[in-house]
Amino acid sequence: IWGAGELPLVVSGIRQLTPRVRAYEFRHRDGLELPEVSAGAHLKIPLPPLKKDELGNRGSSEKRERHYSICSNPKRRDVYEIAVLKEAQGEGGSLAIHQHLQLGQEVHCALAENNFTLHEDDRPAVLFAGGIGITPIKSMALALLKQQQSFELHYAGSNEHEMAYSDRLGRQLGDKLQLYPSQTGIKLSLKQLMSQ
């Protein structure tokens, strides 16, 4: 068991989204409904200790948890999904997740928190995401879609192969999604979009 939080979760699914991004699905250990979350919420995932040879020169494993946005539809109460970018030059958190978090692993987390809330009125929304920053924005787009709110999502990355969820979001959002894979010469211009 990892962690000592009050929410007992079990890894129920793992999917490789891109060569460096992996999705992890968590369900309640006892099959109960998960606490309700709002779009933009995150989980603090406790980490196992990393051995010195796993850390190399990447820092230390002193920090015992990492924050990951819940990117599944916030209305779902059966599952939370996070996506983790493997950072070879990071401090070891993403490496620990990629190397050690397996199906069936029990993880005891604190309850999800939200420091990045979506407005709740009916104003139109323009969402921006870059790279792995899509994770909280994806849940916001799904919430807005469910509420039939007017919105658009502008998602930038190096190439579509590296842009987690780009294919799924394309199917779900249709023309509400605009992709900017910079290696193809398509670049996101915040100045131009904001002027519109």
C-alpha atoms as a PDB file:
ATOM      1  CA  ILE A   1       0.000   0.000   0.000  1.00  0.00           C
ATOM      2  CA  TRP A   2       1.264   3.441  -0.917  1.00  0.00           C
ATOM      3  CA  GLY A   3       0.324   6.371   1.323  1.00  0.00           C
ATOM      4  CA  ALA A   4      -1.860   6.849   4.382  1.00  0.00           C
ATOM      5  CA  GLY A   5      -4.657   9.111   3.112  1.00  0.00           C
ATOM      6  CA  GLU A   6      -8.340   8.538   3.866  1.00  0.00           C
ATOM      7  CA  LEU A   7      -9.287   7.596   0.279  1.00  0.00           C
ATOM      8  CA  PRO A   8      -8.357   3.959  -0.528  1.00  0.00           C
ATOM      9  CA  LEU A   9      -7.908   3.618  -4.293  1.00  0.00           C
ATOM     10  CA  VAL A  10      -6.802   0.735  -6.501  1.00  0.00           C
ATOM     11  CA  VAL A  11      -5.209   1.024  -9.960  1.00  0.00           C
ATOM     12  CA  SER A  12      -7.826  -0.510 -12.262  1.00  0.00           C
ATOM     13  CA  GLY A  13      -6.423   0.480 -15.654  1.00  0.00           C
ATOM     14  CA  ILE A  14      -3.207   1.648 -17.323  1.00  0.00           C
ATOM     15  CA  ARG A  15      -2.985   2.943 -20.910  1.00  0.00           C
ATOM     16  CA  GLN A  16      -0.009   4.256 -22.857  1.00  0.00           C
ATOM     17  CA  LEU A  17      -1.315   7.484 -24.442  1.00  0.00           C
ATOM     18  CA  THR A  18       1.921   8.599 -26.112  1.00  0.00           C
ATOM     19  CA  PRO A  19       5.502   7.303 -25.958  1.00  0.00           C
ATOM     20  CA  ARG A  20       6.031   9.308 -22.723  1.00  0.00           C
ATOM     21  CA  VAL A  21       2.521   9.765 -21.287  1.00  0.00           C
ATOM     22  CA  ARG A  22       0.693   7.026 -19.445  1.00  0.00           C
ATOM     23  CA  ALA A  23      -2.873   7.180 -18.082  1.00  0.00           C
ATOM     24  CA  TYR A  24      -3.722   5.569 -14.751  1.00  0.00           C
ATOM     25  CA  GLU A  25      -7.289   4.770 -13.752  1.00  0.00           C
ATOM     26  CA  PHE A  26      -8.227   4.519 -10.071  1.00  0.00           C
ATOM     27  CA  ARG A  27     -11.362   3.039  -8.475  1.00  0.00           C
ATOM     28  CA  HIS A  28     -12.384   2.833  -4.839  1.00  0.00           C
ATOM     29  CA  ARG A  29     -10.840  -0.216  -3.183  1.00  0.00           C
ATOM     30  CA  ASP A  30     -14.239  -1.364  -1.901  1.00  0.00           C
ATOM     31  CA  GLY A  31     -16.204  -0.627  -5.084  1.00  0.00           C
ATOM     32  CA  LEU A  32     -17.859   2.456  -3.557  1.00  0.00           C
ATOM     33  CA  GLU A  33     -18.663   5.683  -5.390  1.00  0.00           C
ATOM     34  CA  LEU A  34     -15.775   8.113  -5.375  1.00  0.00           C
ATOM     35  CA  PRO A  35     -16.195  11.549  -3.806  1.00  0.00           C
ATOM     36  CA  GLU A  36     -17.524  14.124  -6.264  1.00  0.00           C
ATOM     37  CA  VAL A  37     -14.912  16.373  -7.868  1.00  0.00           C
ATOM     38  CA  SER A  38     -15.107  19.473 -10.029  1.00  0.00           C
ATOM     39  CA  ALA A  39     -13.247  20.146 -13.276  1.00  0.00           C
ATOM     40  CA  GLY A  40      -9.636  21.114 -12.544  1.00  0.00           C
ATOM     41  CA  ALA A  41      -9.331  19.011  -9.361  1.00  0.00           C
ATOM     42  CA  HIS A  42      -6.173  17.077  -8.568  1.00  0.00           C
ATOM     43  CA  LEU A  43      -5.082  14.063  -6.522  1.00  0.00           C
ATOM     44  CA  LYS A  44      -1.959  13.911  -4.388  1.00  0.00           C
ATOM     45  CA  ILE A  45      -0.465  10.560  -5.338  1.00  0.00           C
ATOM     46  CA  PRO A  46       1.897   9.108  -2.708  1.00  0.00           C
ATOM     47  CA  LEU A  47       5.134   7.679  -4.089  1.00  0.00           C
ATOM     48  CA  PRO A  48       7.206   4.631  -3.247  1.00  0.00           C
ATOM     49  CA  PRO A  49      10.818   5.274  -2.287  1.00  0.00           C
ATOM     50  CA  LEU A  50      13.221   5.320  -5.209  1.00  0.00           C
ATOM     51  CA  LYS A  51      16.586   3.656  -4.879  1.00  0.00           C
ATOM     52  CA  LYS A  52      19.666   5.794  -5.335  1.00  0.00           C
ATOM     53  CA  ASP A  53      20.513   4.105  -8.647  1.00  0.00           C
ATOM     54  CA  GLU A  54      17.016   4.962  -9.961  1.00  0.00           C
ATOM     55  CA  LEU A  55      17.498   8.642  -9.107  1.00  0.00           C
ATOM     56  CA  GLY A  56      20.932   9.138 -10.668  1.00  0.00           C
ATOM     57  CA  ASN A  57      21.540  12.885 -10.804  1.00  0.00           C
ATOM     58  CA  ARG A  58      17.854  13.776 -10.952  1.00  0.00           C
ATOM     59  CA  GLY A  59      17.450  15.033  -7.414  1.00  0.00           C
ATOM     60  CA  SER A  60      15.985  13.214  -4.459  1.00  0.00           C
ATOM     61  CA  SER A  61      12.936  11.263  -3.493  1.00  0.00           C
ATOM     62  CA  GLU A  62      12.362  13.419  -0.385  1.00  0.00           C
ATOM     63  CA  LYS A  63       9.000  14.687  -1.631  1.00  0.00           C
ATOM     64  CA  ARG A  64       6.671  11.787  -0.940  1.00  0.00           C
ATOM     65  CA  GLU A  65       3.759  12.769  -3.175  1.00  0.00           C
ATOM     66  CA  ARG A  66       2.998  14.433  -6.487  1.00  0.00           C
ATOM     67  CA  HIS A  67      -0.084  16.321  -7.621  1.00  0.00           C
ATOM     68  CA  TYR A  68      -1.813  15.046 -10.769  1.00  0.00           C
ATOM     69  CA  SER A  69      -4.916  16.547 -12.349  1.00  0.00           C
ATOM     70  CA  ILE A  70      -7.976  14.346 -12.592  1.00  0.00           C
ATOM     71  CA  CYS A  71      -8.582  14.331 -16.338  1.00  0.00           C
ATOM     72  CA  SER A  72     -11.612  12.046 -16.497  1.00  0.00           C
ATOM     73  CA  ASN A  73     -15.103  13.493 -16.760  1.00  0.00           C
ATOM     74  CA  PRO A  74     -15.712  15.147 -13.370  1.00  0.00           C
ATOM     75  CA  LYS A  75     -19.283  13.807 -13.297  1.00  0.00           C
ATOM     76  CA  ARG A  76     -18.046  10.213 -13.152  1.00  0.00           C
ATOM     77  CA  ARG A  77     -18.119   8.751  -9.651  1.00  0.00           C
ATOM     78  CA  ASP A  78     -16.764   5.297 -10.542  1.00  0.00           C
ATOM     79  CA  VAL A  79     -13.271   6.275 -11.658  1.00  0.00           C
ATOM     80  CA  TYR A  80     -10.595   8.970 -11.474  1.00  0.00           C
ATOM     81  CA  GLU A  81      -8.025   9.111 -14.268  1.00  0.00           C
ATOM     82  CA  ILE A  82      -4.683  10.881 -14.227  1.00  0.00           C
ATOM     83  CA  ALA A  83      -2.022  11.112 -16.947  1.00  0.00           C
ATOM     84  CA  VAL A  84       1.686  11.169 -16.105  1.00  0.00           C
ATOM     85  CA  LEU A  85       4.430  12.469 -18.401  1.00  0.00           C
ATOM     86  CA  LYS A  86       7.660  10.512 -17.859  1.00  0.00           C
ATOM     87  CA  GLU A  87      10.328  13.138 -17.194  1.00  0.00           C
ATOM     88  CA  ALA A  88      13.741  11.518 -17.587  1.00  0.00           C
ATOM     89  CA  GLN A  89      15.430  14.631 -16.150  1.00  0.00           C
ATOM     90  CA  GLY A  90      12.842  15.322 -13.436  1.00  0.00           C
ATOM     91  CA  GLU A  91      13.112  14.757  -9.685  1.00  0.00           C
ATOM     92  CA  GLY A  92      12.030  11.124  -9.816  1.00  0.00           C
ATOM     93  CA  GLY A  93       8.284  11.354  -9.226  1.00  0.00           C
ATOM     94  CA  SER A  94       7.161  10.513 -12.743  1.00  0.00           C
ATOM     95  CA  LEU A  95       9.827   7.796 -12.971  1.00  0.00           C
ATOM     96  CA  ALA A  96       8.520   6.210  -9.767  1.00  0.00           C
ATOM     97  CA  ILE A  97       4.967   6.255 -11.126  1.00  0.00           C
ATOM     98  CA  HIS A  98       5.961   4.808 -14.523  1.00  0.00           C
ATOM     99  CA  GLN A  99       8.249   2.160 -13.054  1.00  0.00           C
ATOM    100  CA  HIS A 100       6.317   1.040  -9.986  1.00  0.00           C
ATOM    101  CA  LEU A 101       2.591   1.828 -10.257  1.00  0.00           C
ATOM    102  CA  GLN A 102       0.971  -1.390 -11.480  1.00  0.00           C
ATOM    103  CA  LEU A 103      -2.528  -2.795 -11.920  1.00  0.00           C
ATOM    104  CA  GLY A 104      -4.014  -3.718  -8.556  1.00  0.00           C
ATOM    105  CA  GLN A 105      -1.687  -1.407  -6.582  1.00  0.00           C
ATOM    106  CA  GLU A 106      -3.495   0.078  -3.597  1.00  0.00           C
ATOM    107  CA  VAL A 107      -2.898   3.807  -3.088  1.00  0.00           C
ATOM    108  CA  HIS A 108      -4.297   5.728  -0.124  1.00  0.00           C
ATOM    109  CA  CYS A 109      -4.702   9.387  -1.140  1.00  0.00           C
ATOM    110  CA  ALA A 110      -6.047  12.495   0.516  1.00  0.00           C
ATOM    111  CA  LEU A 111      -9.380  13.656  -0.874  1.00  0.00           C
ATOM    112  CA  ALA A 112      -9.071  15.505  -4.191  1.00  0.00           C
ATOM    113  CA  GLU A 113      -8.610  19.274  -4.058  1.00  0.00           C
ATOM    114  CA  ASN A 114      -9.258  21.989  -6.610  1.00  0.00           C
ATOM    115  CA  ASN A 115      -7.137  25.136  -6.843  1.00  0.00           C
ATOM    116  CA  PHE A 116      -7.971  25.664 -10.543  1.00  0.00           C
ATOM    117  CA  THR A 117     -11.747  25.959 -10.774  1.00  0.00           C
ATOM    118  CA  LEU A 118     -13.823  26.549 -13.869  1.00  0.00           C
ATOM    119  CA  HIS A 119     -16.363  29.372 -13.792  1.00  0.00           C
ATOM    120  CA  GLU A 120     -19.868  28.088 -13.124  1.00  0.00           C
ATOM    121  CA  ASP A 121     -22.004  30.617 -14.993  1.00  0.00           C
ATOM    122  CA  ASP A 122     -22.996  30.477 -18.665  1.00  0.00           C
ATOM    123  CA  ARG A 123     -20.246  32.698 -20.072  1.00  0.00           C
ATOM    124  CA  PRO A 124     -18.460  31.224 -23.104  1.00  0.00           C
ATOM    125  CA  ALA A 125     -15.024  29.782 -22.340  1.00  0.00           C
ATOM    126  CA  VAL A 126     -11.776  29.731 -24.277  1.00  0.00           C
ATOM    127  CA  LEU A 127      -9.465  26.994 -22.994  1.00  0.00           C
ATOM    128  CA  PHE A 128      -5.722  26.792 -23.690  1.00  0.00           C
ATOM    129  CA  ALA A 129      -3.452  23.810 -23.084  1.00  0.00           C
ATOM    130  CA  GLY A 130       0.143  22.962 -23.890  1.00  0.00           C
ATOM    131  CA  GLY A 131       1.610  19.462 -23.699  1.00  0.00           C
ATOM    132  CA  ILE A 132       0.756  17.580 -20.495  1.00  0.00           C
ATOM    133  CA  GLY A 133      -1.103  20.716 -19.375  1.00  0.00           C
ATOM    134  CA  ILE A 134      -4.066  19.197 -21.207  1.00  0.00           C
ATOM    135  CA  THR A 135      -4.975  17.133 -18.126  1.00  0.00           C
ATOM    136  CA  PRO A 136      -7.010  19.680 -16.105  1.00  0.00           C
ATOM    137  CA  ILE A 137      -8.231  21.369 -19.292  1.00  0.00           C
ATOM    138  CA  LYS A 138      -9.616  18.069 -20.649  1.00  0.00           C
ATOM    139  CA  SER A 139     -11.893  17.684 -17.626  1.00  0.00           C
ATOM    140  CA  MET A 140     -13.017  21.312 -18.038  1.00  0.00           C
ATOM    141  CA  ALA A 141     -13.867  20.760 -21.706  1.00  0.00           C
ATOM    142  CA  LEU A 142     -15.865  17.635 -20.825  1.00  0.00           C
ATOM    143  CA  ALA A 143     -17.745  19.534 -18.097  1.00  0.00           C
ATOM    144  CA  LEU A 144     -18.571  22.380 -20.494  1.00  0.00           C
ATOM    145  CA  LEU A 145     -19.670  19.909 -23.158  1.00  0.00           C
ATOM    146  CA  LYS A 146     -21.980  18.151 -20.693  1.00  0.00           C
ATOM    147  CA  GLN A 147     -23.467  21.520 -19.652  1.00  0.00           C
ATOM    148  CA  GLN A 148     -23.917  22.455 -23.338  1.00  0.00           C
ATOM    149  CA  GLN A 149     -21.889  25.620 -22.746  1.00  0.00           C
ATOM    150  CA  SER A 150     -20.221  27.541 -25.549  1.00  0.00           C
ATOM    151  CA  PHE A 151     -16.458  26.939 -25.518  1.00  0.00           C
ATOM    152  CA  GLU A 152     -13.383  26.262 -27.619  1.00  0.00           C
ATOM    153  CA  LEU A 153     -10.177  24.435 -26.764  1.00  0.00           C
ATOM    154  CA  HIS A 154      -6.794  25.375 -28.239  1.00  0.00           C
ATOM    155  CA  TYR A 155      -4.221  22.621 -27.625  1.00  0.00           C
ATOM    156  CA  ALA A 156      -0.536  23.045 -28.536  1.00  0.00           C
ATOM    157  CA  GLY A 157       2.239  20.459 -28.597  1.00  0.00           C
ATOM    158  CA  SER A 158       5.252  19.361 -30.601  1.00  0.00           C
ATOM    159  CA  ASN A 159       3.357  16.832 -32.743  1.00  0.00           C
ATOM    160  CA  GLU A 160       0.025  15.001 -32.583  1.00  0.00           C
ATOM    161  CA  HIS A 161       1.777  11.727 -31.736  1.00  0.00           C
ATOM    162  CA  GLU A 162       3.009  13.337 -28.490  1.00  0.00           C
ATOM    163  CA  MET A 163      -0.256  15.164 -27.660  1.00  0.00           C
ATOM    164  CA  ALA A 164      -2.099  13.040 -25.096  1.00  0.00           C
ATOM    165  CA  TYR A 165      -5.850  12.684 -25.682  1.00  0.00           C
ATOM    166  CA  SER A 166      -5.772  14.600 -28.985  1.00  0.00           C
ATOM    167  CA  ASP A 167      -7.547  11.819 -30.901  1.00  0.00           C
ATOM    168  CA  ARG A 168     -10.191  11.245 -28.229  1.00  0.00           C
ATOM    169  CA  LEU A 169     -10.810  14.966 -27.793  1.00  0.00           C
ATOM    170  CA  GLY A 170     -11.156  15.301 -31.561  1.00  0.00           C
ATOM    171  CA  ARG A 171     -13.966  12.738 -31.534  1.00  0.00           C
ATOM    172  CA  GLN A 172     -15.658  14.217 -28.468  1.00  0.00           C
ATOM    173  CA  LEU A 173     -15.326  17.918 -29.237  1.00  0.00           C
ATOM    174  CA  GLY A 174     -15.361  18.122 -33.038  1.00  0.00           C
ATOM    175  CA  ASP A 175     -14.903  21.700 -34.213  1.00  0.00           C
ATOM    176  CA  LYS A 176     -14.600  22.997 -30.633  1.00  0.00           C
ATOM    177  CA  LEU A 177     -11.005  21.661 -30.660  1.00  0.00           C
ATOM    178  CA  GLN A 178      -8.107  23.265 -32.501  1.00  0.00           C
ATOM    179  CA  LEU A 179      -4.729  21.484 -32.451  1.00  0.00           C
ATOM    180  CA  TYR A 180      -1.376  23.239 -32.883  1.00  0.00           C
ATOM    181  CA  PRO A 181       1.361  20.653 -33.562  1.00  0.00           C
ATOM    182  CA  SER A 182       4.365  22.985 -33.882  1.00  0.00           C
ATOM    183  CA  GLN A 183       6.542  20.512 -35.839  1.00  0.00           C
ATOM    184  CA  THR A 184       4.083  20.830 -38.725  1.00  0.00           C
ATOM    185  CA  GLY A 185       4.452  24.620 -38.685  1.00  0.00           C
ATOM    186  CA  ILE A 186       1.092  25.220 -36.992  1.00  0.00           C
ATOM    187  CA  LYS A 187       1.754  27.425 -33.979  1.00  0.00           C
ATOM    188  CA  LEU A 188      -0.573  28.801 -31.351  1.00  0.00           C
ATOM    189  CA  SER A 189      -0.642  32.605 -31.245  1.00  0.00           C
ATOM    190  CA  LEU A 190      -2.167  33.733 -27.971  1.00  0.00           C
ATOM    191  CA  LYS A 191      -2.037  37.358 -29.115  1.00  0.00           C
ATOM    192  CA  GLN A 192      -4.046  36.605 -32.257  1.00  0.00           C
ATOM    193  CA  LEU A 193      -6.603  34.443 -30.443  1.00  0.00           C
ATOM    194  CA  MET A 194      -7.086  36.920 -27.628  1.00  0.00           C
ATOM    195  CA  SER A 195      -7.623  39.737 -30.108  1.00  0.00           C
ATOM    196  CA  GLN A 196     -10.487  37.726 -31.616  1.00  0.00           C
END
